[in-house]
């Protein structure tokens, strides 16, 4: 109830709306007592001119919402409960957050506190689902339900020695190249491009075609050597993504994990096409952009930067399946990768 009242944008609220905020299966008497408690606390101030109903308990038809009282009550609650929690749990951030954040997170904070009081801090690292189950009884809480944010707010993320679990790497293998001493790998950002190229991998010198799944590649690439355990070989990775601010940043983050070249022929073919309007609100990274553009000639650098600054970009889909296959099959990739990373 409190959470919904806090989220209500208007300064006044009617009884019929409050009734919509009541819990499923709640009786009128239970609902009425909850509203009267909020009246007593000064959170809801009855508008006298609107009158009250004749039910028991009697409630006003209209209330003014005193959000200052809600905030005051929140701060008092945080102070009171802080003394009940282990000293390692820092909850100061909640003084500056909306009340619903505290109300949503506190049940989990209690469970985390119980775990720490009983077992102390862990000595060894374990995967996120295992730690999540131990802390709050839900193996998906940390990675899928916002648990990591809560642990970071409490300033204990590092102390809990959690190993994030990412999705395995998705790729297609060219069986004709498995015995090579040097292997080429093409990473593409989007599923459409991955599908368009998948049927011609045998016509290329590449060992794998890797589906990056957007920014997920920066984590899933860690599985590469586990999923393709080839001994005494070398690898060269190429990347082709959307030519927008986000695609540039994904490539740049990936370079922190592996040495990866830009698949320049695909990008050059893309910028020969008409760009499309950028539909999402993206912000550039000066460092990533500078590094990305350094692989292109000056004339291409200017075209790319002018297009992006004018809120246009080239999605991978600007190239048809036939064009993608032609670029991949006809480029002399072997010559361009004579110095493997």
Protein backbone atom coordinates (compact mmCIF):
# COMPACT_ATOMS: atom_id res chain seq x y z
CA UNK A 1 0.00 0.00 0.00
CA UNK A 2 2.69 2.51 1.01
CA UNK A 3 4.72 1.72 -2.11
CA UNK A 4 1.75 2.38 -4.36
CA UNK A 5 0.91 5.63 -2.57
CA UNK A 6 4.50 6.84 -2.94
CA UNK A 7 4.38 6.04 -6.64
CA UNK A 8 1.11 7.97 -7.09
CA UNK A 9 1.95 11.16 -8.97
CA UNK A 10 -0.89 13.43 -7.74
CA UNK A 11 -0.96 15.23 -4.39
CA UNK A 12 -4.52 14.07 -3.71
CA UNK A 13 -5.98 10.59 -3.89
CA UNK A 14 -9.58 9.37 -3.72
CA UNK A 15 -10.88 6.44 -1.70
CA UNK A 16 -11.81 4.42 -4.78
CA UNK A 17 -8.21 4.57 -5.99
CA UNK A 18 -6.94 3.54 -2.56
CA UNK A 19 -9.30 0.56 -2.72
CA UNK A 20 -7.59 -0.45 -5.97
CA UNK A 21 -4.30 -0.44 -4.04
CA UNK A 22 -5.61 -2.91 -1.43
CA UNK A 23 -4.14 -6.40 -1.24
CA UNK A 24 -5.89 -9.27 -3.02
CA UNK A 25 -8.43 -10.92 -0.72
CA UNK A 26 -8.25 -8.13 1.86
CA UNK A 27 -11.53 -7.42 3.66
CA UNK A 28 -12.91 -3.90 3.95
CA UNK A 29 -12.22 -3.92 7.68
CA UNK A 30 -8.56 -4.84 7.09
CA UNK A 31 -8.27 -2.23 4.34
CA UNK A 32 -9.93 0.38 6.57
CA UNK A 33 -7.55 -0.25 9.46
CA UNK A 34 -4.58 0.16 7.12
CA UNK A 35 -5.91 3.52 5.89
CA UNK A 36 -6.62 4.70 9.45
CA UNK A 37 -3.05 3.86 10.45
CA UNK A 38 -1.79 6.01 7.58
CA UNK A 39 -4.11 8.78 8.76
CA UNK A 40 -2.72 8.50 12.31
CA UNK A 41 0.84 8.68 10.98
CA UNK A 42 -0.03 11.78 8.98
CA UNK A 43 0.75 10.12 5.66
CA UNK A 44 -2.86 10.52 4.51
CA UNK A 45 -4.64 13.73 5.50
CA UNK A 46 -8.42 13.61 5.11
CA UNK A 47 -10.04 16.33 2.98
CA UNK A 48 -12.93 17.35 5.25
CA UNK A 49 -15.03 18.93 2.50
CA UNK A 50 -15.15 15.61 0.65
CA UNK A 51 -16.81 13.90 3.63
CA UNK A 52 -16.51 10.34 4.93
CA UNK A 53 -18.40 7.14 4.17
CA UNK A 54 -20.79 5.44 6.59
CA UNK A 55 -18.95 2.13 6.75
CA UNK A 56 -17.05 0.72 9.71
CA UNK A 57 -14.39 1.95 9.95
CA UNK A 58 -15.38 5.26 8.37
CA UNK A 59 -12.94 6.57 5.75
CA UNK A 60 -12.64 9.89 3.94
CA UNK A 61 -13.66 10.03 0.31
CA UNK A 62 -10.52 12.04 -0.49
CA UNK A 63 -7.05 12.42 1.05
CA UNK A 64 -4.02 14.65 0.63
CA UNK A 65 -0.80 12.66 0.43
CA UNK A 66 1.88 13.90 2.84
CA UNK A 67 5.00 12.51 1.20
CA UNK A 68 7.22 14.34 3.68
CA UNK A 69 5.71 12.21 6.45
CA UNK A 70 6.34 9.11 4.37
CA UNK A 71 9.99 10.08 4.02
CA UNK A 72 10.29 10.87 7.73
CA UNK A 73 8.81 7.50 8.62
CA UNK A 74 11.22 5.84 6.20
CA UNK A 75 14.25 7.45 7.80
CA UNK A 76 13.08 6.50 11.27
CA UNK A 77 12.57 2.93 10.12
CA UNK A 78 16.06 2.75 8.56
CA UNK A 79 17.68 4.13 11.73
CA UNK A 80 15.79 1.68 13.93
CA UNK A 81 16.62 -1.36 11.81
CA UNK A 82 20.25 -0.38 11.25
CA UNK A 83 20.99 -1.28 14.87
CA UNK A 84 19.55 -4.76 14.32
CA UNK A 85 21.80 -5.54 11.34
CA UNK A 86 25.39 -6.76 11.19
CA UNK A 87 27.87 -3.87 11.10
CA UNK A 88 29.22 -4.96 7.70
CA UNK A 89 25.87 -4.16 6.06
CA UNK A 90 25.95 -0.48 5.07
CA UNK A 91 22.43 0.80 4.45
CA UNK A 92 23.11 4.56 4.24
CA UNK A 93 22.23 4.68 0.53
CA UNK A 94 18.59 3.96 1.37
CA UNK A 95 18.24 7.36 3.06
CA UNK A 96 18.50 8.90 -0.42
CA UNK A 97 16.37 6.38 -2.34
CA UNK A 98 12.58 6.27 -2.81
CA UNK A 99 10.79 4.52 0.10
CA UNK A 100 9.71 1.63 -2.11
CA UNK A 101 13.35 0.63 -2.65
CA UNK A 102 13.78 0.12 1.10
CA UNK A 103 10.46 -1.70 1.40
CA UNK A 104 11.30 -3.99 -1.51
CA UNK A 105 14.87 -4.73 -0.44
CA UNK A 106 14.54 -5.09 3.33
CA UNK A 107 13.11 -8.65 3.34
CA UNK A 108 16.23 -9.73 1.43
CA UNK A 109 18.50 -7.67 3.67
CA UNK A 110 17.08 -9.56 6.66
CA UNK A 111 17.89 -12.89 5.01
CA UNK A 112 21.41 -11.74 4.13
CA UNK A 113 21.89 -10.57 7.71
CA UNK A 114 20.76 -13.96 9.04
CA UNK A 115 23.24 -15.72 6.75
CA UNK A 116 26.16 -13.51 7.80
CA UNK A 117 25.29 -13.77 11.49
CA UNK A 118 25.26 -17.56 11.19
CA UNK A 119 28.12 -18.27 8.78
CA UNK A 120 30.17 -15.07 8.52
CA UNK A 121 31.73 -14.02 5.21
CA UNK A 122 32.71 -16.80 2.77
CA UNK A 123 36.33 -17.78 2.17
CA UNK A 124 35.97 -19.22 -1.34
CA UNK A 125 34.35 -18.11 -4.59
CA UNK A 126 31.21 -19.85 -5.85
CA UNK A 127 28.89 -19.25 -8.86
CA UNK A 128 26.19 -16.64 -8.43
CA UNK A 129 23.23 -19.09 -8.35
CA UNK A 130 24.83 -21.09 -5.53
CA UNK A 131 25.52 -17.98 -3.42
CA UNK A 132 22.07 -16.60 -4.23
CA UNK A 133 20.36 -19.75 -2.98
CA UNK A 134 22.39 -19.69 0.23
CA UNK A 135 21.69 -16.01 0.91
CA UNK A 136 17.98 -15.65 0.15
CA UNK A 137 16.70 -19.08 -0.88
CA UNK A 138 16.35 -18.18 -4.57
CA UNK A 139 19.09 -19.19 -7.01
CA UNK A 140 17.94 -16.59 -9.58
CA UNK A 141 17.82 -13.60 -7.23
CA UNK A 142 21.35 -12.23 -7.73
CA UNK A 143 21.58 -12.28 -11.52
CA UNK A 144 17.96 -12.19 -12.69
CA UNK A 145 15.98 -10.40 -9.98
CA UNK A 146 18.11 -7.41 -9.03
CA UNK A 147 20.04 -9.02 -6.19
CA UNK A 148 23.42 -7.79 -7.37
CA UNK A 149 22.23 -4.19 -7.08
CA UNK A 150 21.11 -4.81 -3.49
CA UNK A 151 24.46 -6.36 -2.54
CA UNK A 152 26.29 -3.43 -4.11
CA UNK A 153 24.11 -0.99 -2.16
CA UNK A 154 25.03 -2.86 1.02
CA UNK A 155 28.70 -2.63 -0.06
CA UNK A 156 29.30 -6.36 0.35
CA UNK A 157 29.39 -7.56 -3.28
CA UNK A 158 33.14 -8.13 -3.29
CA UNK A 159 33.16 -9.68 0.19
CA UNK A 160 30.68 -12.38 -0.84
CA UNK A 161 33.07 -13.76 -3.49
CA UNK A 162 30.47 -14.28 -6.21
CA UNK A 163 31.36 -15.63 -9.66
CA UNK A 164 28.86 -14.25 -12.21
CA UNK A 165 27.51 -16.94 -14.53
CA UNK A 166 27.02 -15.97 -18.16
CA UNK A 167 25.49 -17.79 -21.11
CA UNK A 168 27.79 -20.14 -23.07
CA UNK A 169 29.21 -18.94 -26.36
CA UNK A 170 27.04 -19.64 -29.42
CA UNK A 171 28.95 -20.50 -32.58
CA UNK A 172 29.07 -22.63 -35.74
CA UNK A 173 32.18 -24.68 -36.54
CA UNK A 174 33.74 -25.19 -39.95
CA UNK A 175 34.82 -28.88 -39.81
CA UNK A 176 37.24 -28.37 -42.70
CA UNK A 177 39.47 -26.12 -40.57
CA UNK A 178 39.71 -28.03 -37.32
CA UNK A 179 43.21 -29.36 -38.06
CA UNK A 180 44.66 -25.94 -38.85
CA UNK A 181 47.52 -24.55 -36.80
CA UNK A 182 46.03 -21.06 -37.05
CA UNK A 183 42.32 -20.34 -36.73
CA UNK A 184 40.18 -17.38 -37.82
CA UNK A 185 36.97 -16.50 -35.98
CA UNK A 186 34.27 -13.99 -36.97
CA UNK A 187 32.08 -12.51 -34.22
CA UNK A 188 28.85 -10.84 -35.38
CA UNK A 189 26.61 -8.82 -33.09
CA UNK A 190 23.13 -9.75 -34.29
CA UNK A 191 21.20 -12.95 -34.95
CA UNK A 192 20.09 -11.93 -38.46
CA UNK A 193 23.70 -11.53 -39.60
CA UNK A 194 24.71 -14.76 -37.88
CA UNK A 195 21.92 -16.61 -39.69
CA UNK A 196 22.73 -14.97 -43.03
CA UNK A 197 26.38 -16.09 -42.89
CA UNK A 198 25.87 -19.50 -41.31
CA UNK A 199 25.37 -21.41 -44.56
CA UNK A 200 28.62 -20.32 -46.22
CA UNK A 201 31.18 -20.89 -43.49
CA UNK A 202 32.67 -23.81 -45.47
CA UNK A 203 33.42 -21.38 -48.31
CA UNK A 204 35.63 -19.28 -46.04
CA UNK A 205 38.96 -19.79 -44.22
CA UNK A 206 37.21 -19.28 -40.87
CA UNK A 207 37.01 -21.97 -38.20
CA UNK A 208 34.03 -20.47 -36.39
CA UNK A 209 31.20 -17.98 -36.82
CA UNK A 210 30.31 -16.63 -33.37
CA UNK A 211 26.97 -15.08 -32.39
CA UNK A 212 27.79 -12.17 -30.09
CA UNK A 213 24.25 -11.53 -28.79
CA UNK A 214 24.92 -7.83 -28.42
CA UNK A 215 26.85 -6.95 -25.29
CA UNK A 216 26.66 -10.52 -23.95
CA UNK A 217 29.76 -11.37 -25.97
CA UNK A 218 31.92 -9.51 -23.44
CA UNK A 219 31.10 -12.27 -20.92
CA UNK A 220 30.37 -15.32 -23.09
CA UNK A 221 33.74 -15.02 -24.86
CA UNK A 222 35.27 -16.28 -21.60
CA UNK A 223 33.91 -19.73 -22.52
CA UNK A 224 35.70 -19.83 -25.87
CA UNK A 225 38.71 -21.95 -24.92
CA UNK A 226 36.53 -24.25 -22.79
CA UNK A 227 34.15 -24.86 -25.69
CA UNK A 228 36.86 -25.12 -28.35
CA UNK A 229 39.85 -26.64 -26.49
CA UNK A 230 42.48 -26.73 -29.22
CA UNK A 231 46.09 -27.19 -28.12
CA UNK A 232 49.19 -25.64 -29.70
CA UNK A 233 47.27 -23.39 -32.10
CA UNK A 234 46.89 -19.64 -32.61
CA UNK A 235 43.73 -17.61 -33.09
CA UNK A 236 42.71 -14.39 -34.81
CA UNK A 237 39.33 -12.86 -33.96
CA UNK A 238 37.37 -10.41 -36.11
CA UNK A 239 34.34 -8.41 -35.01
CA UNK A 240 31.44 -7.00 -37.03
CA UNK A 241 28.60 -5.16 -35.28
CA UNK A 242 26.08 -2.39 -35.80
CA UNK A 243 27.88 0.80 -36.72
CA UNK A 244 26.39 2.91 -33.95
CA UNK A 245 27.67 4.23 -30.62
CA UNK A 246 26.65 1.07 -28.77
CA UNK A 247 28.18 -1.28 -31.34
CA UNK A 248 31.44 0.63 -31.08
CA UNK A 249 31.40 0.37 -27.28
CA UNK A 250 30.69 -3.38 -27.37
CA UNK A 251 33.73 -3.93 -29.58
CA UNK A 252 35.86 -1.73 -27.34
CA UNK A 253 34.81 -3.64 -24.19
CA UNK A 254 35.53 -6.90 -25.97
CA UNK A 255 39.10 -5.77 -26.64
CA UNK A 256 39.62 -5.82 -22.86
CA UNK A 257 38.97 -9.58 -22.92
CA UNK A 258 40.63 -10.70 -26.17
CA UNK A 259 42.65 -9.23 -29.00
CA UNK A 260 40.03 -8.69 -31.69
CA UNK A 261 40.31 -6.96 -35.06
CA UNK A 262 37.56 -5.09 -36.81
CA UNK A 263 36.16 -6.94 -39.83
CA UNK A 264 36.81 -3.87 -41.97
CA UNK A 265 35.44 -5.25 -45.29
CA UNK A 266 31.97 -5.64 -43.73
CA UNK A 267 32.03 -2.12 -42.31
CA UNK A 268 33.17 -0.61 -45.62
CA UNK A 269 30.38 -2.41 -47.44
CA UNK A 270 27.91 -1.10 -44.84
CA UNK A 271 28.86 2.57 -45.10
CA UNK A 272 28.29 2.45 -48.86
CA UNK A 273 24.61 1.97 -47.99
CA UNK A 274 22.09 4.58 -46.88
CA UNK A 275 22.15 4.91 -43.07
CA UNK A 276 19.00 4.73 -41.00
CA UNK A 277 17.75 6.93 -38.14
CA UNK A 278 19.04 6.00 -34.69
CA UNK A 279 15.93 5.06 -32.71
CA UNK A 280 17.46 4.56 -29.25
CA UNK A 281 19.09 7.10 -26.96
CA UNK A 282 22.78 6.21 -27.15
CA UNK A 283 25.77 8.06 -25.77
CA UNK A 284 29.20 7.86 -27.38
CA UNK A 285 32.40 6.90 -25.61
CA UNK A 286 35.22 9.19 -26.73
CA UNK A 287 37.85 6.55 -25.97
CA UNK A 288 36.00 3.75 -27.78
CA UNK A 289 35.21 5.93 -30.80
CA UNK A 290 38.78 7.13 -31.17
CA UNK A 291 40.10 3.56 -31.06
CA UNK A 292 37.46 2.32 -33.49
CA UNK A 293 38.01 5.07 -36.08
CA UNK A 294 41.78 4.57 -36.04
CA UNK A 295 41.30 1.45 -38.20
CA UNK A 296 39.72 3.46 -41.05
CA UNK A 297 41.09 5.90 -43.61
CA UNK A 298 40.42 9.60 -43.01
CA UNK A 299 37.62 9.84 -45.57
CA UNK A 300 35.78 6.94 -43.94
CA UNK A 301 36.38 8.32 -40.45
CA UNK A 302 34.70 11.57 -41.39
CA UNK A 303 31.74 9.82 -42.99
CA UNK A 304 31.20 7.60 -39.95
CA UNK A 305 31.47 10.34 -37.33
CA UNK A 306 29.27 12.79 -39.28
CA UNK A 307 26.59 10.14 -39.73
CA UNK A 308 26.57 9.11 -36.07
CA UNK A 309 26.57 12.69 -34.80
CA UNK A 310 23.53 13.34 -36.98
CA UNK A 311 21.65 10.55 -35.20
CA UNK A 312 21.96 8.02 -38.02
CA UNK A 313 23.73 4.67 -38.15
CA UNK A 314 24.27 1.52 -40.18
CA UNK A 315 22.70 -1.63 -38.69
CA UNK A 316 24.22 -4.94 -39.74
CA UNK A 317 20.99 -5.67 -41.54
CA UNK A 318 21.83 -2.93 -44.07
CA UNK A 319 23.69 -5.72 -45.89
CA UNK A 320 21.56 -8.45 -47.46
CA UNK A 321 22.37 -12.12 -46.91
CA UNK A 322 23.81 -12.27 -50.42
CA UNK A 323 26.03 -9.26 -49.78
CA UNK A 324 27.20 -10.62 -46.44
CA UNK A 325 28.13 -13.93 -48.02
CA UNK A 326 29.93 -12.22 -50.87
CA UNK A 327 32.08 -10.08 -48.56
CA UNK A 328 32.91 -13.04 -46.31
CA UNK A 329 33.73 -15.42 -49.15
CA UNK A 330 35.66 -13.07 -51.43
CA UNK A 331 37.84 -11.16 -48.95
CA UNK A 332 41.45 -12.33 -48.61
CA UNK A 333 41.26 -12.81 -44.83
CA UNK A 334 44.38 -14.99 -44.74
CA UNK A 335 46.57 -12.15 -46.00
CA UNK A 336 45.01 -9.67 -43.55
CA UNK A 337 45.76 -11.92 -40.59
CA UNK A 338 49.34 -12.98 -41.28
CA UNK A 339 50.33 -11.58 -37.87
CA UNK A 340 47.97 -13.39 -35.52
CA UNK A 341 47.21 -12.04 -32.07
